[in-house]
Amino acid sequence: MQIKVKDWNINYEVYGNGTPVILLHGWLTDLETMRPMAKSLQENFKVYLVDVVGFGKSDLPEHPLNSNDFGDFLAELVKKLKAENPILIGHSNGGRIIINAVR
């Protein structure tokens, strides 16, 4: 599926029902790296697998993004998904994005 965040088309997938969980992959990877975790969590949670802006099937930004830009991206994504109080799980740079989103 695709969702518009800022000016970017962001690729994502949704599995399961319940409390929302958003999984963010690390640098130079895509949502596929988080798929095994999503499969385990989907029995008890609504899991969002996301291709972070600039990776996977999501749009490339027109200019380089800094850590704060990625954090702003995630904050806006959460709003667009209408995911209330999601659990955020990130690998590597995905964790850095989360830190910058909740600052």
C-alpha atoms as a PDB file:
ATOM      1  CA  MET A   1       0.000   0.000   0.000  1.00  0.00           C
ATOM      2  CA  GLN A   2       1.010   3.610  -0.364  1.00  0.00           C
ATOM      3  CA  ILE A   3       0.420   6.630   1.864  1.00  0.00           C
ATOM      4  CA  LYS A   4       1.397  10.247   1.214  1.00  0.00           C
ATOM      5  CA  VAL A   5       3.686  11.699   3.904  1.00  0.00           C
ATOM      6  CA  LYS A   6       4.820  15.252   3.255  1.00  0.00           C
ATOM      7  CA  ASP A   7       5.454  15.087  -0.521  1.00  0.00           C
ATOM      8  CA  TRP A   8       6.541  11.448  -0.580  1.00  0.00           C
ATOM      9  CA  ASN A   9       4.707   8.267  -1.476  1.00  0.00           C
ATOM     10  CA  ILE A  10       5.567   5.821   1.290  1.00  0.00           C
ATOM     11  CA  ASN A  11       5.260   2.073   0.839  1.00  0.00           C
ATOM     12  CA  TYR A  12       3.868   0.080   3.753  1.00  0.00           C
ATOM     13  CA  GLU A  13       2.036  -3.118   4.664  1.00  0.00           C
ATOM     14  CA  VAL A  14      -0.374  -3.890   7.517  1.00  0.00           C
ATOM     15  CA  TYR A  15      -0.923  -7.204   9.304  1.00  0.00           C
ATOM     16  CA  GLY A  16      -3.061  -8.309  12.255  1.00  0.00           C
ATOM     17  CA  ASN A  17      -5.289  -6.419  14.681  1.00  0.00           C
ATOM     18  CA  GLY A  18      -4.944  -4.778  18.055  1.00  0.00           C
ATOM     19  CA  THR A  19      -2.469  -2.327  19.518  1.00  0.00           C
ATOM     20  CA  PRO A  20      -0.488  -0.707  16.672  1.00  0.00           C
ATOM     21  CA  VAL A  21       3.197  -1.564  16.241  1.00  0.00           C
ATOM     22  CA  ILE A  22       5.321   0.261  13.660  1.00  0.00           C
ATOM     23  CA  LEU A  23       8.488  -1.516  12.523  1.00  0.00           C
ATOM     24  CA  LEU A  24      11.321   0.519  10.986  1.00  0.00           C
ATOM     25  CA  HIS A  25      14.232  -1.066   9.165  1.00  0.00           C
ATOM     26  CA  GLY A  26      17.863  -0.009   9.296  1.00  0.00           C
ATOM     27  CA  TRP A  27      19.997   1.963   6.846  1.00  0.00           C
ATOM     28  CA  LEU A  28      20.295   0.611   3.272  1.00  0.00           C
ATOM     29  CA  THR A  29      17.584  -2.023   3.763  1.00  0.00           C
ATOM     30  CA  ASP A  30      13.797  -2.146   3.387  1.00  0.00           C
ATOM     31  CA  LEU A  31      10.721  -3.507   5.107  1.00  0.00           C
ATOM     32  CA  GLU A  32      11.663  -7.068   4.123  1.00  0.00           C
ATOM     33  CA  THR A  33      14.263  -7.155   6.902  1.00  0.00           C
ATOM     34  CA  MET A  34      11.519  -6.663   9.492  1.00  0.00           C
ATOM     35  CA  ARG A  35       9.047  -9.137   7.963  1.00  0.00           C
ATOM     36  CA  PRO A  36       9.951 -12.089  10.267  1.00  0.00           C
ATOM     37  CA  MET A  37       9.245  -9.915  13.311  1.00  0.00           C
ATOM     38  CA  ALA A  38       5.967  -8.719  11.782  1.00  0.00           C
ATOM     39  CA  LYS A  39       4.850 -12.296  11.195  1.00  0.00           C
ATOM     40  CA  SER A  40       5.473 -13.100  14.873  1.00  0.00           C
ATOM     41  CA  LEU A  41       3.716  -9.984  16.164  1.00  0.00           C
ATOM     42  CA  GLN A  42       0.651 -10.043  13.908  1.00  0.00           C
ATOM     43  CA  GLU A  43      -1.146 -12.585  16.084  1.00  0.00           C
ATOM     44  CA  ASN A  44      -1.482 -10.019  18.889  1.00  0.00           C
ATOM     45  CA  PHE A  45      -0.898  -6.603  17.303  1.00  0.00           C
ATOM     46  CA  LYS A  46      -1.724  -4.484  14.271  1.00  0.00           C
ATOM     47  CA  VAL A  47       1.710  -4.344  12.637  1.00  0.00           C
ATOM     48  CA  TYR A  48       2.823  -1.707  10.159  1.00  0.00           C
ATOM     49  CA  LEU A  49       5.849  -2.604   8.020  1.00  0.00           C
ATOM     50  CA  VAL A  50       7.244   0.582   6.481  1.00  0.00           C
ATOM     51  CA  ASP A  51       9.774   1.389   3.762  1.00  0.00           C
ATOM     52  CA  VAL A  52      11.362   4.520   5.245  1.00  0.00           C
ATOM     53  CA  VAL A  53      11.501   7.501   2.859  1.00  0.00           C
ATOM     54  CA  GLY A  54      14.395   6.992   0.437  1.00  0.00           C
ATOM     55  CA  PHE A  55      14.418   3.189   0.787  1.00  0.00           C
ATOM     56  CA  GLY A  56      12.612   0.197  -0.687  1.00  0.00           C
ATOM     57  CA  LYS A  57       9.563   1.171  -2.705  1.00  0.00           C
ATOM     58  CA  SER A  58       9.145   4.568  -1.034  1.00  0.00           C
ATOM     59  CA  ASP A  59      10.000   7.790  -2.849  1.00  0.00           C
ATOM     60  CA  LEU A  60      13.505   9.223  -2.822  1.00  0.00           C
ATOM     61  CA  PRO A  61      13.733  12.694  -1.283  1.00  0.00           C
ATOM     62  CA  GLU A  62      14.843  15.516  -3.566  1.00  0.00           C
ATOM     63  CA  HIS A  63      17.586  16.527  -1.127  1.00  0.00           C
ATOM     64  CA  PRO A  64      19.560  14.718   1.598  1.00  0.00           C
ATOM     65  CA  LEU A  65      17.693  14.302   4.889  1.00  0.00           C
ATOM     66  CA  ASN A  66      19.192  14.690   8.346  1.00  0.00           C
ATOM     67  CA  SER A  67      18.215  12.813  11.519  1.00  0.00           C
ATOM     68  CA  ASN A  68      15.602  15.402  12.446  1.00  0.00           C
ATOM     69  CA  ASP A  69      14.025  15.158   8.977  1.00  0.00           C
ATOM     70  CA  PHE A  70      13.646  11.391   9.399  1.00  0.00           C
ATOM     71  CA  GLY A  71      12.147  11.938  12.848  1.00  0.00           C
ATOM     72  CA  ASP A  72       9.659  14.430  11.413  1.00  0.00           C
ATOM     73  CA  PHE A  73       8.839  11.887   8.700  1.00  0.00           C
ATOM     74  CA  LEU A  74       7.951   9.254  11.318  1.00  0.00           C
ATOM     75  CA  ALA A  75       5.891  11.680  13.409  1.00  0.00           C
ATOM     76  CA  GLU A  76       3.871  12.631  10.320  1.00  0.00           C
ATOM     77  CA  LEU A  77       3.522   8.975   9.268  1.00  0.00           C
ATOM     78  CA  VAL A  78       2.036   8.061  12.663  1.00  0.00           C
ATOM     79  CA  LYS A  79      -0.533  10.858  12.268  1.00  0.00           C
ATOM     80  CA  LYS A  80      -1.418   9.829   8.707  1.00  0.00           C
ATOM     81  CA  LEU A  81      -1.840   6.180   9.723  1.00  0.00           C
ATOM     82  CA  LYS A  82      -4.035   7.285  12.651  1.00  0.00           C
ATOM     83  CA  ALA A  83      -2.058   4.876  14.809  1.00  0.00           C
ATOM     84  CA  GLU A  84      -2.808   5.978  18.379  1.00  0.00           C
ATOM     85  CA  ASN A  85       0.057   5.481  20.853  1.00  0.00           C
ATOM     86  CA  PRO A  86       1.890   2.960  18.668  1.00  0.00           C
ATOM     87  CA  ILE A  87       4.702   0.781  19.880  1.00  0.00           C
ATOM     88  CA  LEU A  88       7.742   1.832  17.814  1.00  0.00           C
ATOM     89  CA  ILE A  89      10.435  -0.735  17.066  1.00  0.00           C
ATOM     90  CA  GLY A  90      13.481   0.116  14.985  1.00  0.00           C
ATOM     91  CA  HIS A  91      16.608  -1.680  13.880  1.00  0.00           C
ATOM     92  CA  SER A  92      19.797   0.393  13.645  1.00  0.00           C
ATOM     93  CA  ASN A  93      18.875   3.658  11.904  1.00  0.00           C
ATOM     94  CA  GLY A  94      15.210   2.813  12.480  1.00  0.00           C
ATOM     95  CA  GLY A  95      15.937   3.245  16.186  1.00  0.00           C
ATOM     96  CA  ARG A  96      17.594   6.611  15.522  1.00  0.00           C
ATOM     97  CA  ILE A  97      14.513   7.712  13.572  1.00  0.00           C
ATOM     98  CA  ILE A  98      12.323   6.803  16.544  1.00  0.00           C
ATOM     99  CA  ILE A  99      14.517   8.774  18.949  1.00  0.00           C
ATOM    100  CA  ASN A 100      14.259  11.836  16.706  1.00  0.00           C
ATOM    101  CA  ALA A 101      10.502  11.440  16.264  1.00  0.00           C
ATOM    102  CA  VAL A 102       9.734  11.473  19.981  1.00  0.00           C
ATOM    103  CA  ARG A 103      12.151  14.249  20.948  1.00  0.00           C
END
